[in-house]
Amino acid sequence: MYAVIETGGKQYRVEVGTELEVELLEVAPGDAITLDRVLLVADGSAAEIGRPIVPNATVAAEVLRQIRGEKTISFKYRPKARRRVKKGHRQELTVLRISDIVLGGHSAASDAAKAVEAKKTERSRLEDAARQQAAADAALAAKLAKAAKPKAESAADAGTTRPTPAAGKAASKATRATPKTPAAPAAAKTTRPRASKAPSKEPAAPEAKPRRARATKKDE
């Protein structure tokens, strides 16, 4: 639900929880005031327009603080007359927070509180369901663990009395895979050193034939 209000010659669109700055009001911070000039009230798809205001409609607000707005500059001059006037202004403002919108006994604040409560209730319901599910899961896990314990003990007892076929197969494989230890080497036989053969004589190099001198013309 929202409304359009008028204050200080200006119009504002407000909802529950809206903070707005309006023209200065003669109120103190912390006061609760009621704005009765309501021009429009809309709730979902339904809307009521005032002529000029909506009857039986009010807007409640809380005064937060009194402030001053941004500084504005006013400058005037007259050409060819050497007249210049410069002024600054900061508007006094009042900050309001809308607490409720009422139309014919129907309150927007109560609707918002109900919605918040419904959300809390739904959240608490989901949390309770989650806790119950967690407790059920823990109980089931404990039950399964308790049922599996005797089976594990019986399997352990059976394993100590008689080996299982799988264990026998594994043992035979291990036996095959174990390498045989080599036999101790026999005493080394004493061997006599062999006589080394005499080095073979190399064939003598052929004798070089004397060179025959060539006859020259001088000799002739």
Protein backbone atom coordinates (compact mmCIF):
# COMPACT_ATOMS: atom_id res chain seq x y z
CA MET A 1 0.00 0.00 0.00
CA TYR A 2 1.22 3.52 -0.85
CA ALA A 3 -0.17 7.03 -0.70
CA VAL A 4 0.41 10.48 -2.17
CA ILE A 5 0.47 13.26 0.42
CA GLU A 6 0.76 17.04 0.26
CA THR A 7 2.76 19.18 2.67
CA GLY A 8 4.54 22.52 2.23
CA GLY A 9 2.96 22.97 -1.20
CA LYS A 10 4.65 19.79 -2.54
CA GLN A 11 3.47 16.25 -3.19
CA TYR A 12 5.27 13.08 -2.10
CA ARG A 13 4.70 9.38 -2.80
CA VAL A 14 5.21 7.45 0.43
CA GLU A 15 5.04 3.90 1.82
CA VAL A 16 5.47 2.44 5.28
CA GLY A 17 9.11 2.99 6.28
CA THR A 18 9.80 5.76 3.76
CA GLU A 19 12.07 8.61 4.93
CA LEU A 20 11.57 11.97 3.25
CA GLU A 21 12.58 15.61 3.66
CA VAL A 22 9.70 18.10 3.77
CA GLU A 23 9.44 21.82 4.34
CA LEU A 24 10.02 22.97 7.91
CA LEU A 25 7.30 21.90 10.37
CA GLU A 26 6.84 23.25 13.88
CA VAL A 27 7.62 19.94 15.56
CA ALA A 28 10.42 18.48 17.68
CA PRO A 29 12.52 15.38 16.90
CA GLY A 30 10.83 12.27 18.25
CA ASP A 31 7.27 13.58 17.90
CA ALA A 32 4.55 11.61 16.12
CA ILE A 33 2.43 13.62 13.66
CA THR A 34 -0.50 12.91 11.36
CA LEU A 35 -0.68 14.14 7.78
CA ASP A 36 -4.33 14.42 6.74
CA ARG A 37 -3.91 15.88 3.27
CA VAL A 38 -3.89 12.53 1.44
CA LEU A 39 -4.49 12.88 -2.31
CA LEU A 40 -4.38 9.19 -3.29
CA VAL A 41 -4.27 5.77 -1.65
CA ALA A 42 -3.49 2.57 -3.61
CA ASP A 43 -3.55 -0.99 -2.35
CA GLY A 44 -2.53 -3.51 -4.99
CA SER A 45 -4.75 -3.07 -8.04
CA ALA A 46 -7.33 -0.94 -6.15
CA ALA A 47 -6.82 2.82 -5.82
CA GLU A 48 -8.88 5.66 -4.38
CA ILE A 49 -8.37 9.20 -5.65
CA GLY A 50 -9.38 12.23 -3.57
CA ARG A 51 -11.33 15.29 -4.76
CA PRO A 52 -9.11 16.96 -3.63
CA ILE A 53 -8.36 14.65 -0.65
CA VAL A 54 -9.36 11.11 0.21
CA PRO A 55 -11.90 10.94 3.07
CA ASN A 56 -11.11 8.70 6.06
CA ALA A 57 -7.45 8.50 5.00
CA THR A 58 -4.51 9.56 7.14
CA VAL A 59 -0.77 9.09 7.13
CA ALA A 60 1.14 8.79 10.41
CA ALA A 61 4.79 9.83 10.56
CA GLU A 62 7.62 10.16 13.07
CA VAL A 63 9.90 13.22 13.20
CA LEU A 64 13.56 12.21 12.97
CA ARG A 65 15.47 15.51 12.88
CA GLN A 66 15.59 19.10 11.66
CA ILE A 67 18.21 19.89 8.99
CA ARG A 68 19.19 22.53 6.46
CA GLY A 69 19.22 21.78 2.76
CA GLU A 70 21.90 22.45 0.15
CA LYS A 71 22.94 26.03 -0.42
CA THR A 72 21.42 27.77 -3.44
CA ILE A 73 22.80 30.94 -5.04
CA SER A 74 20.55 33.83 -6.18
CA PHE A 75 22.24 36.36 -8.47
CA LYS A 76 20.59 39.48 -9.93
CA TYR A 77 22.00 42.24 -12.04
CA ARG A 78 20.88 45.15 -14.16
CA PRO A 79 22.79 45.68 -17.36
CA LYS A 80 24.40 49.11 -17.93
CA ALA A 81 23.48 50.16 -14.40
CA ARG A 82 26.36 48.57 -12.48
CA ARG A 83 23.95 46.71 -10.18
CA ARG A 84 24.93 43.28 -8.94
CA VAL A 85 23.19 41.33 -6.12
CA LYS A 86 24.36 37.86 -5.02
CA LYS A 87 22.59 35.97 -2.23
CA GLY A 88 22.87 32.45 -0.76
CA HIS A 89 20.03 30.46 0.81
CA ARG A 90 19.72 27.17 2.72
CA GLN A 91 16.19 25.91 3.24
CA GLU A 92 15.15 24.59 6.67
CA LEU A 93 13.85 21.01 6.35
CA THR A 94 12.22 18.35 8.54
CA VAL A 95 13.04 14.66 8.07
CA LEU A 96 10.07 12.29 8.55
CA ARG A 97 9.68 8.54 8.60
CA ILE A 98 6.28 7.17 7.54
CA SER A 99 4.99 4.76 10.18
CA ASP A 100 1.46 3.94 8.95
CA ILE A 101 -1.12 4.55 6.22
CA VAL A 102 -4.76 4.19 7.28
CA LEU A 103 -7.78 4.08 4.97
CA GLY A 104 -11.22 3.40 6.46
CA GLY A 105 -9.80 1.44 9.41
CA HIS A 106 -7.45 -0.62 7.22
CA SER A 107 -3.81 -0.19 8.35
CA ALA A 108 -0.79 -0.79 6.14
CA ALA A 109 1.50 -1.17 9.18
CA SER A 110 -0.57 -4.08 10.53
CA ASP A 111 -0.43 -5.79 7.13
CA ALA A 112 3.35 -5.40 7.05
CA ALA A 113 3.64 -6.79 10.59
CA LYS A 114 1.48 -9.78 9.65
CA ALA A 115 3.63 -10.46 6.59
CA VAL A 116 6.80 -10.34 8.70
CA GLU A 117 5.25 -12.66 11.27
CA ALA A 118 4.17 -15.08 8.54
CA LYS A 119 7.73 -15.13 7.19
CA LYS A 120 9.10 -15.83 10.66
CA THR A 121 6.54 -18.59 11.20
CA GLU A 122 7.38 -20.19 7.86
CA ARG A 123 11.08 -19.98 8.62
CA SER A 124 10.65 -21.52 12.08
CA ARG A 125 8.49 -24.28 10.55
CA LEU A 126 11.19 -25.09 8.01
CA GLU A 127 13.86 -25.09 10.73
CA ASP A 128 11.77 -27.48 12.87
CA ALA A 129 11.27 -29.79 9.88
CA ALA A 130 15.00 -29.74 9.18
CA ARG A 131 15.81 -30.60 12.80
CA GLN A 132 13.34 -33.48 12.81
CA GLN A 133 14.78 -34.84 9.57
CA ALA A 134 18.32 -34.61 10.95
CA ALA A 135 17.29 -36.49 14.12
CA ALA A 136 15.60 -39.22 12.04
CA ASP A 137 18.70 -39.59 9.85
CA ALA A 138 20.95 -39.87 12.92
CA ALA A 139 18.71 -42.55 14.45
CA LEU A 140 18.70 -44.55 11.18
CA ALA A 141 22.50 -44.34 10.90
CA ALA A 142 22.91 -45.58 14.48
CA LYS A 143 20.52 -48.47 13.84
CA LEU A 144 22.39 -49.54 10.68
CA ALA A 145 25.74 -49.34 12.47
CA LYS A 146 24.42 -51.49 15.34
CA ALA A 147 23.08 -54.11 12.89
CA ALA A 148 26.34 -54.25 10.94
CA LYS A 149 28.55 -54.78 14.04
CA PRO A 150 27.57 -58.47 14.76
CA LYS A 151 28.09 -59.37 11.10
CA ALA A 152 31.59 -57.91 11.17
CA GLU A 153 32.44 -59.83 14.37
CA SER A 154 31.18 -63.16 12.93
CA ALA A 155 33.17 -62.58 9.75
CA ALA A 156 36.30 -61.94 11.84
CA ASP A 157 35.76 -65.17 13.84
CA ALA A 158 35.26 -67.19 10.66
CA GLY A 159 38.45 -65.77 9.21
CA THR A 160 40.55 -66.97 12.19
CA THR A 161 39.26 -70.61 12.03
CA ARG A 162 39.30 -71.41 8.32
CA PRO A 163 40.86 -69.48 5.50
CA THR A 164 38.57 -68.41 2.79
CA PRO A 165 39.05 -69.58 -0.83
CA ALA A 166 40.13 -66.11 -1.81
CA ALA A 167 42.83 -66.15 0.90
CA GLY A 168 44.05 -69.59 -0.32
CA LYS A 169 44.32 -68.36 -3.88
CA ALA A 170 46.23 -65.30 -2.74
CA ALA A 171 48.65 -67.44 -0.71
CA SER A 172 49.31 -69.76 -3.70
CA LYS A 173 49.94 -66.78 -5.94
CA ALA A 174 52.36 -65.37 -3.38
CA THR A 175 54.19 -68.74 -3.25
CA ARG A 176 54.53 -68.85 -7.02
CA ALA A 177 55.73 -65.31 -7.15
CA THR A 178 58.43 -65.90 -4.48
CA PRO A 179 61.80 -66.32 -6.33
CA LYS A 180 63.87 -69.45 -5.63
CA THR A 181 67.08 -68.90 -3.77
CA PRO A 182 70.10 -69.95 -5.85
CA ALA A 183 72.24 -72.90 -4.60
CA ALA A 184 75.56 -72.22 -2.95
CA PRO A 185 78.35 -72.10 -5.55
CA ALA A 186 80.70 -75.14 -5.66
CA ALA A 187 84.26 -74.85 -4.52
CA ALA A 188 86.28 -73.16 -7.13
CA LYS A 189 88.61 -75.54 -9.00
CA THR A 190 92.24 -74.73 -8.93
CA THR A 191 93.44 -74.09 -12.41
CA ARG A 192 97.04 -74.06 -13.53
CA PRO A 193 98.12 -71.05 -15.39
CA ARG A 194 98.60 -71.77 -19.05
CA ALA A 195 101.95 -71.21 -20.53
CA SER A 196 101.92 -68.26 -22.76
CA LYS A 197 102.81 -69.00 -26.35
CA ALA A 198 106.00 -67.62 -27.75
CA PRO A 199 105.46 -64.60 -29.84
CA SER A 200 105.48 -65.41 -33.49
CA LYS A 201 108.31 -64.05 -35.49
CA GLU A 202 107.35 -61.49 -38.03
CA PRO A 203 108.53 -62.13 -41.60
CA ALA A 204 111.58 -60.17 -42.55
CA ALA A 205 111.01 -57.25 -44.76
CA PRO A 206 112.25 -57.82 -48.35
CA GLU A 207 115.59 -56.25 -49.22
CA ALA A 208 115.39 -53.11 -51.18
CA LYS A 209 116.79 -53.39 -54.74
CA PRO A 210 119.46 -50.86 -55.67
CA ARG A 211 118.29 -48.15 -57.97
CA ARG A 212 119.61 -48.18 -61.47
CA ALA A 213 121.14 -44.94 -62.44
CA ARG A 214 119.76 -43.36 -65.54
CA ALA A 215 122.06 -42.47 -68.32
CA THR A 216 122.17 -38.85 -69.29
CA LYS A 217 123.42 -37.09 -72.49
CA LYS A 218 126.48 -35.91 -70.61
CA ASP A 219 127.53 -39.42 -69.86
CA GLU A 220 127.17 -40.37 -73.49
